[in-house]
């Protein structure tokens, strides 16, 4: 499903993913699944796909905000 939603050539893509150079940061709890997902997106050609090292747990452990809206 991830690949369909992030492939600019897919009819099921997200509206924001119109180009292969769109920035995509994938986040999971510990960073393992997101690393695999980001790699899969890079294999599709999304050159700006990456993940959050250590996942949400590392984000929280470093005192980063965990509530509210993401920055624009």
Protein backbone atom coordinates (compact mmCIF):
# COMPACT_ATOMS: atom_id res chain seq x y z
CA UNK A 1 0.00 0.00 0.00
CA UNK A 2 2.83 2.41 0.84
CA UNK A 3 4.35 2.05 -2.60
CA UNK A 4 1.02 2.69 -4.33
CA UNK A 5 0.38 5.82 -2.29
CA UNK A 6 3.87 7.26 -2.84
CA UNK A 7 4.48 6.34 -6.48
CA UNK A 8 3.84 9.47 -8.60
CA UNK A 9 2.78 7.18 -11.48
CA UNK A 10 0.17 5.32 -9.43
CA UNK A 11 -3.54 6.09 -9.74
CA UNK A 12 -3.75 5.52 -5.96
CA UNK A 13 -1.03 8.05 -5.07
CA UNK A 14 -1.46 10.76 -2.48
CA UNK A 15 -2.20 14.14 -4.08
CA UNK A 16 0.97 15.61 -2.52
CA UNK A 17 3.16 13.05 -4.30
CA UNK A 18 3.19 14.40 -7.83
CA UNK A 19 6.96 14.18 -8.36
CA UNK A 20 9.80 11.82 -7.52
CA UNK A 21 11.71 14.54 -5.68
CA UNK A 22 9.05 15.13 -3.00
CA UNK A 23 10.45 14.93 0.55
CA UNK A 24 9.04 12.01 2.53
CA UNK A 25 10.07 11.31 6.12
CA UNK A 26 8.76 7.96 7.38
CA UNK A 27 8.36 7.44 11.13
CA UNK A 28 7.62 4.33 13.18
CA UNK A 29 8.04 3.56 16.87
CA UNK A 30 11.67 2.35 16.95
CA UNK A 31 13.01 3.19 13.48
CA UNK A 32 13.34 -0.33 12.07
CA UNK A 33 10.17 -0.54 9.97
CA UNK A 34 10.54 3.05 8.78
CA UNK A 35 14.06 2.32 7.53
CA UNK A 36 12.74 -0.52 5.37
CA UNK A 37 9.83 1.62 4.15
CA UNK A 38 12.10 4.55 3.23
CA UNK A 39 14.41 2.17 1.37
CA UNK A 40 11.44 0.80 -0.56
CA UNK A 41 10.43 4.34 -1.55
CA UNK A 42 13.98 5.13 -2.68
CA UNK A 43 13.88 1.98 -4.83
CA UNK A 44 10.74 3.43 -6.46
CA UNK A 45 12.77 6.51 -7.32
CA UNK A 46 11.79 8.89 -4.52
CA UNK A 47 15.23 10.39 -4.02
CA UNK A 48 14.23 12.42 -0.94
CA UNK A 49 12.72 9.55 1.11
CA UNK A 50 14.18 9.01 4.56
CA UNK A 51 13.28 8.00 8.06
CA UNK A 52 13.66 9.23 11.62
CA UNK A 53 16.69 7.49 13.14
CA UNK A 54 15.46 5.70 16.26
CA UNK A 55 11.83 6.40 15.45
CA UNK A 56 9.28 8.13 17.63
CA UNK A 57 10.86 6.68 20.77
CA UNK A 58 14.15 8.50 20.07
CA UNK A 59 12.27 11.68 19.17
CA UNK A 60 10.46 11.59 22.52
CA UNK A 61 13.65 10.62 24.43
CA UNK A 62 15.39 13.72 23.04
CA UNK A 63 12.63 15.94 24.42
CA UNK A 64 11.05 16.80 21.07
CA UNK A 65 7.36 17.82 21.02
CA UNK A 66 4.89 14.96 20.85
CA UNK A 67 1.61 16.90 20.65
CA UNK A 68 0.23 19.63 18.48
CA UNK A 69 0.42 20.26 14.77
CA UNK A 70 3.55 19.55 12.72
CA UNK A 71 5.39 22.56 11.32
CA UNK A 72 4.27 23.72 7.89
